[in-house]
Amino acid sequence: MALHSTRWLALSYFTYFFSYGIFLPFWSVWLKGLGLTPETIGLLLGVGLVARFLGSLLIAPRVSDPSRLISALRVLALLTLVFALAFWAGTHVAWLMVVMVGFNLFFSPLVPLTDALANTWQKQITLDYGRVRLWGSIAFVIGSALTGTLVSVYDYQAILALLTLGV
């Protein structure tokens, strides 16, 4: 069964921003739960931000053909999932650094490319961008609130579990 274009796009925004609603406010909490020092946490988050910048700068512009947007989004989402799963494989700082770079590199171009797809579809079909994008905003709030609640019950382990499910 195929999803209608606007529903697929809304789901894409939902999953991205649900995950981002976990990652942005809680990732340092997860890293602290692993027993890392504040300096190491800052280094890992900083490396992740550089990778986000590079992902948006280097990957997103390479997908200039609108007919390749869906394929590119699927590949990037799959690579993001692979790196989210890789967080489960170890807690050594060098490993976490590699995984942080990979996760952020492939996670960051998802929104610009999804926006490009929304813009393309808005020209081709009747698409209410505001209503579609709203699901991303709702998902961010749900992801943050749910994670906060589950962390208070299950401690920091809930963060990676929810992030993996969200991606």
Protein backbone atom coordinates (compact mmCIF):
# COMPACT_ATOMS: atom_id res chain seq x y z
CA MET A 1 0.00 0.00 0.00
CA ALA A 2 1.43 3.34 -1.03
CA LEU A 3 1.07 6.44 1.10
CA HIS A 4 -0.40 9.55 -0.45
CA SER A 5 2.33 12.11 -1.20
CA THR A 6 1.29 14.59 1.47
CA ARG A 7 1.03 11.86 4.11
CA TRP A 8 4.44 10.49 3.15
CA LEU A 9 5.93 13.97 3.42
CA ALA A 10 4.20 14.62 6.75
CA LEU A 11 5.51 11.29 8.06
CA SER A 12 9.00 12.21 6.89
CA TYR A 13 8.87 15.50 8.81
CA PHE A 14 7.34 13.71 11.80
CA THR A 15 10.07 11.09 12.08
CA TYR A 16 12.88 13.61 11.58
CA PHE A 17 11.65 16.10 14.14
CA PHE A 18 10.56 13.40 16.60
CA SER A 19 14.16 12.17 16.53
CA TYR A 20 15.54 15.70 16.68
CA GLY A 21 13.29 16.40 19.67
CA ILE A 22 15.16 13.58 21.39
CA PHE A 23 18.65 14.28 20.09
CA LEU A 24 18.84 18.03 20.63
CA PRO A 25 17.78 18.31 24.28
CA PHE A 26 18.80 14.86 25.56
CA TRP A 27 21.92 13.67 23.76
CA SER A 28 24.30 15.23 26.26
CA VAL A 29 22.28 13.51 29.02
CA TRP A 30 22.82 10.16 27.29
CA LEU A 31 26.55 10.84 26.92
CA LYS A 32 26.75 11.83 30.60
CA GLY A 33 24.92 8.62 31.51
CA LEU A 34 27.73 6.71 29.81
CA GLY A 35 30.08 8.29 32.34
CA LEU A 36 31.82 10.69 29.96
CA THR A 37 33.38 13.89 31.26
CA PRO A 38 31.91 17.28 30.36
CA GLU A 39 34.99 17.98 28.19
CA THR A 40 34.48 14.77 26.21
CA ILE A 41 30.76 15.44 25.86
CA GLY A 42 31.53 18.92 24.54
CA LEU A 43 34.05 17.51 22.09
CA LEU A 44 31.61 14.88 20.79
CA LEU A 45 28.79 17.42 20.43
CA GLY A 46 31.15 19.86 18.69
CA VAL A 47 32.34 17.21 16.24
CA GLY A 48 28.68 16.37 15.60
CA LEU A 49 27.88 19.99 14.82
CA VAL A 50 30.77 20.21 12.35
CA ALA A 51 29.50 17.01 10.69
CA ARG A 52 25.96 18.50 10.51
CA PHE A 53 27.39 21.57 8.80
CA LEU A 54 29.38 19.45 6.34
CA GLY A 55 26.43 17.17 5.62
CA SER A 56 24.20 20.08 4.71
CA LEU A 57 26.99 21.79 2.79
CA LEU A 58 28.32 18.80 0.85
CA ILE A 59 25.51 16.25 0.52
CA ALA A 60 22.30 18.26 0.07
CA PRO A 61 23.51 20.33 -2.94
CA ARG A 62 24.53 17.14 -4.80
CA VAL A 63 20.86 16.20 -5.16
CA SER A 64 19.83 18.85 -7.65
CA ASP A 65 17.56 16.68 -9.80
CA PRO A 66 14.04 16.63 -8.27
CA SER A 67 13.47 13.11 -9.60
CA ARG A 68 16.29 11.88 -7.31
CA LEU A 69 15.01 13.47 -4.11
CA ILE A 70 12.99 10.51 -2.84
CA SER A 71 15.81 8.05 -3.51
CA ALA A 72 18.32 10.33 -1.81
CA LEU A 73 16.05 10.77 1.21
CA ARG A 74 15.64 7.01 1.53
CA VAL A 75 19.39 6.38 1.35
CA LEU A 76 20.15 9.14 3.87
CA ALA A 77 17.45 7.88 6.24
CA LEU A 78 18.86 4.35 6.00
CA LEU A 79 22.41 5.57 6.68
CA THR A 80 21.14 7.60 9.63
CA LEU A 81 19.46 4.48 11.01
CA VAL A 82 22.68 2.47 10.56
CA PHE A 83 24.61 5.05 12.57
CA ALA A 84 21.87 5.25 15.22
CA LEU A 85 22.16 1.48 15.61
CA ALA A 86 25.95 1.84 15.77
CA PHE A 87 25.60 3.80 19.02
CA TRP A 88 24.54 0.48 20.59
CA ALA A 89 27.82 -1.18 19.57
CA GLY A 90 30.21 0.54 21.94
CA THR A 91 30.99 3.40 24.28
CA HIS A 92 34.67 4.03 23.61
CA VAL A 93 35.24 7.70 22.87
CA ALA A 94 36.89 7.02 19.49
CA TRP A 95 33.93 4.85 18.45
CA LEU A 96 31.43 7.45 19.63
CA MET A 97 33.30 10.12 17.67
CA VAL A 98 33.09 8.12 14.43
CA VAL A 99 29.42 7.34 15.01
CA MET A 100 28.60 10.96 15.92
CA VAL A 101 30.19 12.14 12.69
CA GLY A 102 28.34 9.57 10.58
CA PHE A 103 24.99 10.11 12.29
CA ASN A 104 25.12 13.90 11.99
CA LEU A 105 26.57 13.87 8.48
CA PHE A 106 23.62 11.91 7.10
CA PHE A 107 20.90 13.23 9.45
CA SER A 108 21.46 16.91 8.65
CA PRO A 109 20.62 16.95 4.90
CA LEU A 110 17.25 15.28 5.49
CA VAL A 111 15.35 18.52 6.19
CA PRO A 112 16.74 20.60 3.31
CA LEU A 113 16.06 17.75 0.90
CA THR A 114 12.59 17.16 2.34
CA ASP A 115 11.91 20.89 1.95
CA ALA A 116 13.10 20.67 -1.67
CA LEU A 117 10.72 17.76 -2.24
CA ALA A 118 7.87 19.71 -0.62
CA ASN A 119 8.63 22.67 -2.87
CA THR A 120 8.63 20.41 -5.95
CA TRP A 121 5.37 18.75 -4.97
CA GLN A 122 3.80 22.09 -4.12
CA LYS A 123 4.31 23.05 -7.76
CA GLN A 124 3.05 19.70 -9.09
CA ILE A 125 0.13 18.86 -6.81
CA THR A 126 -2.09 20.66 -4.37
CA LEU A 127 0.05 20.60 -1.26
CA ASP A 128 -0.53 22.70 1.83
CA TYR A 129 3.06 23.00 3.05
CA GLY A 130 2.05 24.51 6.39
CA ARG A 131 -0.22 21.59 7.27
CA VAL A 132 2.40 19.06 6.19
CA ARG A 133 5.25 20.79 8.06
CA LEU A 134 3.11 21.19 11.17
CA TRP A 135 3.57 17.46 11.83
CA GLY A 136 7.28 18.06 12.31
CA SER A 137 6.64 20.69 14.97
CA ILE A 138 4.16 18.45 16.75
CA ALA A 139 6.63 15.56 16.60
CA PHE A 140 9.43 17.63 18.16
CA VAL A 141 7.24 18.41 21.16
CA ILE A 142 6.07 14.79 21.46
CA GLY A 143 9.64 13.46 21.16
CA SER A 144 10.96 15.84 23.82
CA ALA A 145 8.08 15.33 26.24
CA LEU A 146 8.04 11.56 25.84
CA THR A 147 11.79 11.30 26.28
CA GLY A 148 11.73 13.48 29.38
CA THR A 149 9.01 11.33 30.89
CA LEU A 150 10.74 8.05 30.04
CA VAL A 151 14.14 9.28 31.28
CA SER A 152 12.56 10.07 34.64
CA VAL A 153 11.37 6.45 34.82
CA TYR A 154 14.07 4.46 32.98
CA ASP A 155 17.09 6.78 33.25
CA TYR A 156 19.34 7.70 30.33
CA GLN A 157 18.95 4.33 28.55
CA ALA A 158 15.54 5.44 27.27
CA ILE A 159 17.19 8.14 25.15
CA LEU A 160 19.02 5.86 22.72
CA ALA A 161 16.10 3.44 22.55
CA LEU A 162 13.68 6.21 21.56
CA LEU A 163 16.14 7.81 19.14
CA THR A 164 16.65 4.49 17.38
CA LEU A 165 12.90 3.92 17.13
CA GLY A 166 12.35 7.46 15.89
CA VAL A 167 14.92 7.32 13.13
